[in-house]
Amino acid sequence: MENLEIYNAARTVPKEAQKPIGGGRLKGMTDINPMWRIKLLTELFGVCGFGWKYEIVNKWVETAMAKDEITANIEINLYIKVDGEWSAPIPAV
């Protein structure tokens, strides 16, 4: 696999998978549809559990800077299979 093959396949998010955030401290930023992410991983690596997988490392809820905002967070390790071999963990929140 070429070094930038995965990067180039995943670097552009189509407009239909983007949603503007209309409120809170993230107002004006963009949310990416989580189902699009799952679809892309499946297109690139195959079925979840066989070509890619994840493990939940940590889950927490916290009050944001504004007292009326609460965020739910999950820390994961993502693993992808390339040429029949599993990657080292790829951390994400």
PDB file of N, CA and C in Angstrom:
ATOM      1  N   MET A   1       0.846  -1.173   0.000  1.00  0.00           N
ATOM      2  CA  MET A   1       0.000   0.000   0.000  1.00  0.00           C
ATOM      3  C   MET A   1       0.897   1.243   0.000  1.00  0.00           C
ATOM      4  N   GLU A   2       0.562   2.171  -0.840  1.00  0.00           N
ATOM      5  CA  GLU A   2       1.313   3.421  -0.912  1.00  0.00           C
ATOM      6  C   GLU A   2       1.128   4.221   0.382  1.00  0.00           C
ATOM      7  N   ASN A   3       2.129   4.961   0.782  1.00  0.00           N
ATOM      8  CA  ASN A   3       2.091   5.688   2.050  1.00  0.00           C
ATOM      9  C   ASN A   3       0.898   6.628   2.177  1.00  0.00           C
ATOM     10  N   LEU A   4       0.516   7.328   1.117  1.00  0.00           N
ATOM     11  CA  LEU A   4      -0.573   8.312   1.208  1.00  0.00           C
ATOM     12  C   LEU A   4      -1.908   7.790   0.677  1.00  0.00           C
ATOM     13  N   GLU A   5      -1.988   6.525   0.334  1.00  0.00           N
ATOM     14  CA  GLU A   5      -3.215   5.974  -0.258  1.00  0.00           C
ATOM     15  C   GLU A   5      -4.414   6.127   0.685  1.00  0.00           C
ATOM     16  N   ILE A   6      -4.285   5.735   1.931  1.00  0.00           N
ATOM     17  CA  ILE A   6      -5.384   5.844   2.898  1.00  0.00           C
ATOM     18  C   ILE A   6      -5.689   7.310   3.184  1.00  0.00           C
ATOM     19  N   TYR A   7      -4.665   8.095   3.400  1.00  0.00           N
ATOM     20  CA  TYR A   7      -4.833   9.524   3.675  1.00  0.00           C
ATOM     21  C   TYR A   7      -5.615  10.200   2.547  1.00  0.00           C
ATOM     22  N   ASN A   8      -5.215   9.971   1.321  1.00  0.00           N
ATOM     23  CA  ASN A   8      -5.873  10.611   0.176  1.00  0.00           C
ATOM     24  C   ASN A   8      -7.315  10.143   0.013  1.00  0.00           C
ATOM     25  N   ALA A   9      -7.592   8.902   0.352  1.00  0.00           N
ATOM     26  CA  ALA A   9      -8.955   8.382   0.228  1.00  0.00           C
ATOM     27  C   ALA A   9      -9.885   8.960   1.291  1.00  0.00           C
ATOM     28  N   ALA A  10      -9.335   9.381   2.436  1.00  0.00           N
ATOM     29  CA  ALA A  10     -10.171   9.806   3.554  1.00  0.00           C
ATOM     30  C   ALA A  10     -10.084  11.290   3.885  1.00  0.00           C
ATOM     31  N   ARG A  11      -9.260  12.042   3.187  1.00  0.00           N
ATOM     32  CA  ARG A  11      -9.012  13.430   3.609  1.00  0.00           C
ATOM     33  C   ARG A  11     -10.125  14.401   3.268  1.00  0.00           C
ATOM     34  N   THR A  12     -10.980  14.097   2.322  1.00  0.00           N
ATOM     35  CA  THR A  12     -12.051  15.009   1.934  1.00  0.00           C
ATOM     36  C   THR A  12     -13.392  14.465   2.419  1.00  0.00           C
ATOM     37  N   VAL A  13     -14.095  15.287   3.177  1.00  0.00           N
ATOM     38  CA  VAL A  13     -15.425  14.908   3.664  1.00  0.00           C
ATOM     39  C   VAL A  13     -16.455  15.518   2.731  1.00  0.00           C
ATOM     40  N   PRO A  14     -17.324  14.698   2.123  1.00  0.00           N
ATOM     41  CA  PRO A  14     -18.321  15.253   1.208  1.00  0.00           C
ATOM     42  C   PRO A  14     -19.312  16.164   1.933  1.00  0.00           C
ATOM     43  N   LYS A  15     -19.826  17.143   1.227  1.00  0.00           N
ATOM     44  CA  LYS A  15     -20.760  18.120   1.812  1.00  0.00           C
ATOM     45  C   LYS A  15     -21.956  17.450   2.480  1.00  0.00           C
ATOM     46  N   GLU A  16     -22.459  16.349   1.884  1.00  0.00           N
ATOM     47  CA  GLU A  16     -23.637  15.684   2.452  1.00  0.00           C
ATOM     48  C   GLU A  16     -23.335  15.001   3.792  1.00  0.00           C
ATOM     49  N   ALA A  17     -22.072  14.843   4.148  1.00  0.00           N
ATOM     50  CA  ALA A  17     -21.688  14.258   5.438  1.00  0.00           C
ATOM     51  C   ALA A  17     -21.334  15.332   6.467  1.00  0.00           C
ATOM     52  N   GLN A  18     -21.440  16.598   6.081  1.00  0.00           N
ATOM     53  CA  GLN A  18     -21.112  17.710   6.978  1.00  0.00           C
ATOM     54  C   GLN A  18     -22.393  18.411   7.432  1.00  0.00           C
ATOM     55  N   LYS A  19     -22.385  18.819   8.703  1.00  0.00           N
ATOM     56  CA  LYS A  19     -23.539  19.534   9.245  1.00  0.00           C
ATOM     57  C   LYS A  19     -23.023  20.703  10.080  1.00  0.00           C
ATOM     58  N   PRO A  20     -23.480  21.911   9.784  1.00  0.00           N
ATOM     59  CA  PRO A  20     -23.046  23.060  10.586  1.00  0.00           C
ATOM     60  C   PRO A  20     -23.544  22.945  12.023  1.00  0.00           C
ATOM     61  N   ILE A  21     -22.721  23.341  12.965  1.00  0.00           N
ATOM     62  CA  ILE A  21     -23.111  23.374  14.373  1.00  0.00           C
ATOM     63  C   ILE A  21     -23.687  24.765  14.632  1.00  0.00           C
ATOM     64  N   GLY A  22     -24.949  24.790  15.106  1.00  0.00           N
ATOM     65  CA  GLY A  22     -25.651  26.063  15.205  1.00  0.00           C
ATOM     66  C   GLY A  22     -25.682  26.713  16.567  1.00  0.00           C
ATOM     67  N   GLY A  23     -25.136  26.060  17.591  1.00  0.00           N
ATOM     68  CA  GLY A  23     -25.221  26.661  18.914  1.00  0.00           C
ATOM     69  C   GLY A  23     -24.040  26.301  19.790  1.00  0.00           C
ATOM     70  N   GLY A  24     -24.012  26.920  20.958  1.00  0.00           N
ATOM     71  CA  GLY A  24     -22.964  26.631  21.927  1.00  0.00           C
ATOM     72  C   GLY A  24     -21.617  27.195  21.526  1.00  0.00           C
ATOM     73  N   ARG A  25     -20.591  26.762  22.234  1.00  0.00           N
ATOM     74  CA  ARG A  25     -19.255  27.292  21.974  1.00  0.00           C
ATOM     75  C   ARG A  25     -18.668  26.802  20.654  1.00  0.00           C
ATOM     76  N   LEU A  26     -19.288  25.781  20.037  1.00  0.00           N
ATOM     77  CA  LEU A  26     -18.824  25.275  18.743  1.00  0.00           C
ATOM     78  C   LEU A  26     -19.613  25.860  17.566  1.00  0.00           C
ATOM     79  N   LYS A  27     -20.482  26.824  17.839  1.00  0.00           N
ATOM     80  CA  LYS A  27     -21.281  27.452  16.792  1.00  0.00           C
ATOM     81  C   LYS A  27     -20.372  27.933  15.659  1.00  0.00           C
ATOM     82  N   GLY A  28     -20.773  27.610  14.438  1.00  0.00           N
ATOM     83  CA  GLY A  28     -19.999  28.003  13.264  1.00  0.00           C
ATOM     84  C   GLY A  28     -19.025  26.931  12.801  1.00  0.00           C
ATOM     85  N   MET A  29     -18.807  25.902  13.623  1.00  0.00           N
ATOM     86  CA  MET A  29     -17.930  24.801  13.221  1.00  0.00           C
ATOM     87  C   MET A  29     -18.770  23.730  12.519  1.00  0.00           C
ATOM     88  N   THR A  30     -18.137  22.641  12.135  1.00  0.00           N
ATOM     89  CA  THR A  30     -18.814  21.606  11.363  1.00  0.00           C
ATOM     90  C   THR A  30     -18.732  20.259  12.069  1.00  0.00           C
ATOM     91  N   ASP A  31     -19.852  19.560  12.112  1.00  0.00           N
ATOM     92  CA  ASP A  31     -19.919  18.199  12.621  1.00  0.00           C
ATOM     93  C   ASP A  31     -19.865  17.244  11.431  1.00  0.00           C
ATOM     94  N   ILE A  32     -19.176  16.123  11.581  1.00  0.00           N
ATOM     95  CA  ILE A  32     -19.098  15.120  10.517  1.00  0.00           C
ATOM     96  C   ILE A  32     -19.975  13.935  10.920  1.00  0.00           C
ATOM     97  N   ASN A  33     -20.852  13.518  10.031  1.00  0.00           N
ATOM     98  CA  ASN A  33     -21.783  12.428  10.273  1.00  0.00           C
ATOM     99  C   ASN A  33     -21.026  11.157  10.666  1.00  0.00           C
ATOM    100  N   PRO A  34     -21.292  10.593  11.871  1.00  0.00           N
ATOM    101  CA  PRO A  34     -20.582   9.398  12.300  1.00  0.00           C
ATOM    102  C   PRO A  34     -20.845   8.183  11.408  1.00  0.00           C
ATOM    103  N   MET A  35     -22.016   8.104  10.803  1.00  0.00           N
ATOM    104  CA  MET A  35     -22.293   6.973   9.907  1.00  0.00           C
ATOM    105  C   MET A  35     -21.448   7.057   8.633  1.00  0.00           C
ATOM    106  N   TRP A  36     -21.138   8.270   8.188  1.00  0.00           N
ATOM    107  CA  TRP A  36     -20.241   8.416   7.045  1.00  0.00           C
ATOM    108  C   TRP A  36     -18.861   7.888   7.413  1.00  0.00           C
ATOM    109  N   ARG A  37     -18.406   8.168   8.628  1.00  0.00           N
ATOM    110  CA  ARG A  37     -17.100   7.671   9.082  1.00  0.00           C
ATOM    111  C   ARG A  37     -17.069   6.147   9.067  1.00  0.00           C
ATOM    112  N   ILE A  38     -18.125   5.524   9.578  1.00  0.00           N
ATOM    113  CA  ILE A  38     -18.207   4.057   9.591  1.00  0.00           C
ATOM    114  C   ILE A  38     -18.219   3.520   8.167  1.00  0.00           C
ATOM    115  N   LYS A  39     -18.975   4.164   7.294  1.00  0.00           N
ATOM    116  CA  LYS A  39     -19.028   3.739   5.890  1.00  0.00           C
ATOM    117  C   LYS A  39     -17.647   3.830   5.246  1.00  0.00           C
ATOM    118  N   LEU A  40     -16.936   4.923   5.487  1.00  0.00           N
ATOM    119  CA  LEU A  40     -15.610   5.092   4.901  1.00  0.00           C
ATOM    120  C   LEU A  40     -14.637   4.028   5.408  1.00  0.00           C
ATOM    121  N   LEU A  41     -14.637   3.769   6.717  1.00  0.00           N
ATOM    122  CA  LEU A  41     -13.774   2.719   7.253  1.00  0.00           C
ATOM    123  C   LEU A  41     -14.096   1.372   6.622  1.00  0.00           C
ATOM    124  N   THR A  42     -15.383   1.096   6.421  1.00  0.00           N
ATOM    125  CA  THR A  42     -15.796  -0.166   5.807  1.00  0.00           C
ATOM    126  C   THR A  42     -15.360  -0.229   4.351  1.00  0.00           C
ATOM    127  N   GLU A  43     -15.485   0.871   3.616  1.00  0.00           N
ATOM    128  CA  GLU A  43     -15.023   0.905   2.223  1.00  0.00           C
ATOM    129  C   GLU A  43     -13.515   0.672   2.132  1.00  0.00           C
ATOM    130  N   LEU A  44     -12.753   1.283   3.039  1.00  0.00           N
ATOM    131  CA  LEU A  44     -11.294   1.193   2.988  1.00  0.00           C
ATOM    132  C   LEU A  44     -10.746  -0.130   3.509  1.00  0.00           C
ATOM    133  N   PHE A  45     -11.362  -0.695   4.578  1.00  0.00           N
ATOM    134  CA  PHE A  45     -10.752  -1.829   5.259  1.00  0.00           C
ATOM    135  C   PHE A  45     -11.619  -3.073   5.353  1.00  0.00           C
ATOM    136  N   GLY A  46     -12.902  -2.963   5.017  1.00  0.00           N
ATOM    137  CA  GLY A  46     -13.791  -4.123   5.110  1.00  0.00           C
ATOM    138  C   GLY A  46     -14.705  -4.020   6.316  1.00  0.00           C
ATOM    139  N   VAL A  47     -15.309  -5.128   6.636  1.00  0.00           N
ATOM    140  CA  VAL A  47     -16.319  -5.196   7.687  1.00  0.00           C
ATOM    141  C   VAL A  47     -15.705  -4.930   9.065  1.00  0.00           C
ATOM    142  N   CYS A  48     -16.429  -4.191   9.897  1.00  0.00           N
ATOM    143  CA  CYS A  48     -15.983  -3.924  11.271  1.00  0.00           C
ATOM    144  C   CYS A  48     -15.776  -5.245  12.009  1.00  0.00           C
ATOM    145  N   GLY A  49     -14.665  -5.351  12.688  1.00  0.00           N
ATOM    146  CA  GLY A  49     -14.321  -6.570  13.405  1.00  0.00           C
ATOM    147  C   GLY A  49     -13.381  -7.474  12.626  1.00  0.00           C
ATOM    148  N   PHE A  50     -13.319  -7.274  11.320  1.00  0.00           N
ATOM    149  CA  PHE A  50     -12.453  -8.077  10.458  1.00  0.00           C
ATOM    150  C   PHE A  50     -11.385  -7.231   9.771  1.00  0.00           C
ATOM    151  N   GLY A  51     -11.768  -6.039   9.284  1.00  0.00           N
ATOM    152  CA  GLY A  51     -10.823  -5.158   8.599  1.00  0.00           C
ATOM    153  C   GLY A  51     -10.484  -3.919   9.409  1.00  0.00           C
ATOM    154  N   TRP A  52     -11.343  -3.603  10.343  1.00  0.00           N
ATOM    155  CA  TRP A  52     -11.094  -2.509  11.295  1.00  0.00           C
ATOM    156  C   TRP A  52     -11.889  -2.806  12.559  1.00  0.00           C
ATOM    157  N   LYS A  53     -11.409  -2.282  13.672  1.00  0.00           N
ATOM    158  CA  LYS A  53     -12.095  -2.489  14.949  1.00  0.00           C
ATOM    159  C   LYS A  53     -11.681  -1.377  15.908  1.00  0.00           C
ATOM    160  N   TYR A  54     -12.384  -1.283  17.011  1.00  0.00           N
ATOM    161  CA  TYR A  54     -12.044  -0.274  18.006  1.00  0.00           C
ATOM    162  C   TYR A  54     -12.269  -0.855  19.391  1.00  0.00           C
ATOM    163  N   GLU A  55     -11.603  -0.269  20.368  1.00  0.00           N
ATOM    164  CA  GLU A  55     -11.870  -0.601  21.763  1.00  0.00           C
ATOM    165  C   GLU A  55     -12.106   0.703  22.515  1.00  0.00           C
ATOM    166  N   ILE A  56     -13.083   0.680  23.397  1.00  0.00           N
ATOM    167  CA  ILE A  56     -13.367   1.851  24.220  1.00  0.00           C
ATOM    168  C   ILE A  56     -12.386   1.849  25.387  1.00  0.00           C
ATOM    169  N   VAL A  57     -11.652   2.934  25.519  1.00  0.00           N
ATOM    170  CA  VAL A  57     -10.636   3.069  26.562  1.00  0.00           C
ATOM    171  C   VAL A  57     -11.211   3.798  27.774  1.00  0.00           C
ATOM    172  N   ASN A  58     -12.032   4.822  27.513  1.00  0.00           N
ATOM    173  CA  ASN A  58     -12.546   5.649  28.606  1.00  0.00           C
ATOM    174  C   ASN A  58     -13.824   6.347  28.156  1.00  0.00           C
ATOM    175  N   LYS A  59     -14.754   6.554  29.086  1.00  0.00           N
ATOM    176  CA  LYS A  59     -15.984   7.311  28.831  1.00  0.00           C
ATOM    177  C   LYS A  59     -16.171   8.287  29.985  1.00  0.00           C
ATOM    178  N   TRP A  60     -16.569   9.519  29.660  1.00  0.00           N
ATOM    179  CA  TRP A  60     -16.812  10.488  30.722  1.00  0.00           C
ATOM    180  C   TRP A  60     -17.739  11.592  30.238  1.00  0.00           C
ATOM    181  N   VAL A  61     -18.381  12.237  31.205  1.00  0.00           N
ATOM    182  CA  VAL A  61     -19.251  13.382  30.967  1.00  0.00           C
ATOM    183  C   VAL A  61     -18.657  14.537  31.761  1.00  0.00           C
ATOM    184  N   GLU A  62     -18.644  15.706  31.157  1.00  0.00           N
ATOM    185  CA  GLU A  62     -18.109  16.864  31.878  1.00  0.00           C
ATOM    186  C   GLU A  62     -18.880  18.120  31.523  1.00  0.00           C
ATOM    187  N   THR A  63     -18.840  19.058  32.446  1.00  0.00           N
ATOM    188  CA  THR A  63     -19.433  20.364  32.204  1.00  0.00           C
ATOM    189  C   THR A  63     -18.414  21.187  31.440  1.00  0.00           C
ATOM    190  N   ALA A  64     -18.862  21.789  30.364  1.00  0.00           N
ATOM    191  CA  ALA A  64     -17.968  22.608  29.541  1.00  0.00           C
ATOM    192  C   ALA A  64     -17.773  23.973  30.195  1.00  0.00           C
ATOM    193  N   MET A  65     -17.088  24.857  29.481  1.00  0.00           N
ATOM    194  CA  MET A  65     -16.814  26.195  30.009  1.00  0.00           C
ATOM    195  C   MET A  65     -18.101  26.928  30.369  1.00  0.00           C
ATOM    196  N   ALA A  66     -19.098  26.799  29.533  1.00  0.00           N
ATOM    197  CA  ALA A  66     -20.400  27.386  29.847  1.00  0.00           C
ATOM    198  C   ALA A  66     -21.133  26.399  30.756  1.00  0.00           C
ATOM    199  N   LYS A  67     -21.658  26.855  31.847  1.00  0.00           N
ATOM    200  CA  LYS A  67     -22.265  25.971  32.858  1.00  0.00           C
ATOM    201  C   LYS A  67     -23.460  25.175  32.330  1.00  0.00           C
ATOM    202  N   ASP A  68     -24.097  25.661  31.270  1.00  0.00           N
ATOM    203  CA  ASP A  68     -25.266  24.961  30.756  1.00  0.00           C
ATOM    204  C   ASP A  68     -24.919  23.962  29.652  1.00  0.00           C
ATOM    205  N   GLU A  69     -23.642  23.729  29.391  1.00  0.00           N
ATOM    206  CA  GLU A  69     -23.225  22.765  28.381  1.00  0.00           C
ATOM    207  C   GLU A  69     -22.593  21.549  29.042  1.00  0.00           C
ATOM    208  N   ILE A  70     -23.047  20.381  28.629  1.00  0.00           N
ATOM    209  CA  ILE A  70     -22.483  19.130  29.117  1.00  0.00           C
ATOM    210  C   ILE A  70     -22.016  18.344  27.896  1.00  0.00           C
ATOM    211  N   THR A  71     -20.813  17.800  27.960  1.00  0.00           N
ATOM    212  CA  THR A  71     -20.297  17.004  26.853  1.00  0.00           C
ATOM    213  C   THR A  71     -20.146  15.550  27.289  1.00  0.00           C
ATOM    214  N   ALA A  72     -20.487  14.645  26.390  1.00  0.00           N
ATOM    215  CA  ALA A  72     -20.247  13.217  26.582  1.00  0.00           C
ATOM    216  C   ALA A  72     -19.054  12.857  25.703  1.00  0.00           C
ATOM    217  N   ASN A  73     -18.056  12.219  26.278  1.00  0.00           N
ATOM    218  CA  ASN A  73     -16.805  11.941  25.571  1.00  0.00           C
ATOM    219  C   ASN A  73     -16.475  10.460  25.640  1.00  0.00           C
ATOM    220  N   ILE A  74     -15.883   9.952  24.580  1.00  0.00           N
ATOM    221  CA  ILE A  74     -15.407   8.572  24.550  1.00  0.00           C
ATOM    222  C   ILE A  74     -14.019   8.573  23.936  1.00  0.00           C
ATOM    223  N   GLU A  75     -13.093   7.946  24.632  1.00  0.00           N
ATOM    224  CA  GLU A  75     -11.738   7.761  24.109  1.00  0.00           C
ATOM    225  C   GLU A  75     -11.650   6.330  23.581  1.00  0.00           C
ATOM    226  N   ILE A  76     -11.174   6.188  22.349  1.00  0.00           N
ATOM    227  CA  ILE A  76     -11.056   4.856  21.746  1.00  0.00           C
ATOM    228  C   ILE A  76      -9.641   4.631  21.214  1.00  0.00           C
ATOM    229  N   ASN A  77      -9.353   3.378  20.980  1.00  0.00           N
ATOM    230  CA  ASN A  77      -8.218   2.979  20.156  1.00  0.00           C
ATOM    231  C   ASN A  77      -8.797   2.335  18.910  1.00  0.00           C
ATOM    232  N   LEU A  78      -8.434   2.872  17.758  1.00  0.00           N
ATOM    233  CA  LEU A  78      -8.865   2.327  16.472  1.00  0.00           C
ATOM    234  C   LEU A  78      -7.748   1.447  15.941  1.00  0.00           C
ATOM    235  N   TYR A  79      -8.133   0.306  15.367  1.00  0.00           N
ATOM    236  CA  TYR A  79      -7.172  -0.601  14.744  1.00  0.00           C
ATOM    237  C   TYR A  79      -7.627  -0.851  13.311  1.00  0.00           C
ATOM    238  N   ILE A  80      -6.695  -0.832  12.379  1.00  0.00           N
ATOM    239  CA  ILE A  80      -7.004  -1.157  10.987  1.00  0.00           C
ATOM    240  C   ILE A  80      -6.115  -2.309  10.551  1.00  0.00           C
ATOM    241  N   LYS A  81      -6.625  -3.111   9.625  1.00  0.00           N
ATOM    242  CA  LYS A  81      -5.842  -4.220   9.110  1.00  0.00           C
ATOM    243  C   LYS A  81      -5.348  -3.855   7.715  1.00  0.00           C
ATOM    244  N   VAL A  82      -4.035  -3.883   7.545  1.00  0.00           N
ATOM    245  CA  VAL A  82      -3.412  -3.575   6.259  1.00  0.00           C
ATOM    246  C   VAL A  82      -2.510  -4.745   5.899  1.00  0.00           C
ATOM    247  N   ASP A  83      -2.693  -5.276   4.704  1.00  0.00           N
ATOM    248  CA  ASP A  83      -1.909  -6.418   4.233  1.00  0.00           C
ATOM    249  C   ASP A  83      -1.938  -7.574   5.232  1.00  0.00           C
ATOM    250  N   GLY A  84      -3.116  -7.814   5.827  1.00  0.00           N
ATOM    251  CA  GLY A  84      -3.303  -8.940   6.735  1.00  0.00           C
ATOM    252  C   GLY A  84      -2.770  -8.739   8.140  1.00  0.00           C
ATOM    253  N   GLU A  85      -2.286  -7.550   8.465  1.00  0.00           N
ATOM    254  CA  GLU A  85      -1.701  -7.298   9.784  1.00  0.00           C
ATOM    255  C   GLU A  85      -2.418  -6.140  10.469  1.00  0.00           C
ATOM    256  N   TRP A  86      -2.718  -6.319  11.766  1.00  0.00           N
ATOM    257  CA  TRP A  86      -3.375  -5.269  12.535  1.00  0.00           C
ATOM    258  C   TRP A  86      -2.375  -4.167  12.886  1.00  0.00           C
ATOM    259  N   SER A  87      -2.871  -2.937  12.851  1.00  0.00           N
ATOM    260  CA  SER A  87      -2.057  -1.788  13.222  1.00  0.00           C
ATOM    261  C   SER A  87      -1.857  -1.708  14.719  1.00  0.00           C
ATOM    262  N   ALA A  88      -0.940  -0.855  15.127  1.00  0.00           N
ATOM    263  CA  ALA A  88      -0.854  -0.444  16.524  1.00  0.00           C
ATOM    264  C   ALA A  88      -2.099   0.398  16.809  1.00  0.00           C
ATOM    265  N   PRO A  89      -2.446   0.631  18.068  1.00  0.00           N
ATOM    266  CA  PRO A  89      -3.635   1.445  18.358  1.00  0.00           C
ATOM    267  C   PRO A  89      -3.492   2.871  17.832  1.00  0.00           C
ATOM    268  N   ILE A  90      -4.589   3.362  17.257  1.00  0.00           N
ATOM    269  CA  ILE A  90      -4.675   4.743  16.775  1.00  0.00           C
ATOM    270  C   ILE A  90      -5.644   5.440  17.721  1.00  0.00           C
ATOM    271  N   PRO A  91      -5.136   6.258  18.662  1.00  0.00           N
ATOM    272  CA  PRO A  91      -6.022   6.853  19.671  1.00  0.00           C
ATOM    273  C   PRO A  91      -6.877   7.982  19.094  1.00  0.00           C
ATOM    274  N   ALA A  92      -8.088   8.101  19.639  1.00  0.00           N
ATOM    275  CA  ALA A  92      -9.009   9.164  19.221  1.00  0.00           C
ATOM    276  C   ALA A  92      -9.980   9.451  20.359  1.00  0.00           C
ATOM    277  N   VAL A  93     -10.503  10.676  20.394  1.00  0.00           N
ATOM    278  CA  VAL A  93     -11.554  11.052  21.347  1.00  0.00           C
ATOM    279  C   VAL A  93     -12.754  11.496  20.546  1.00  0.00           C
TER     280      VAL A  93
END
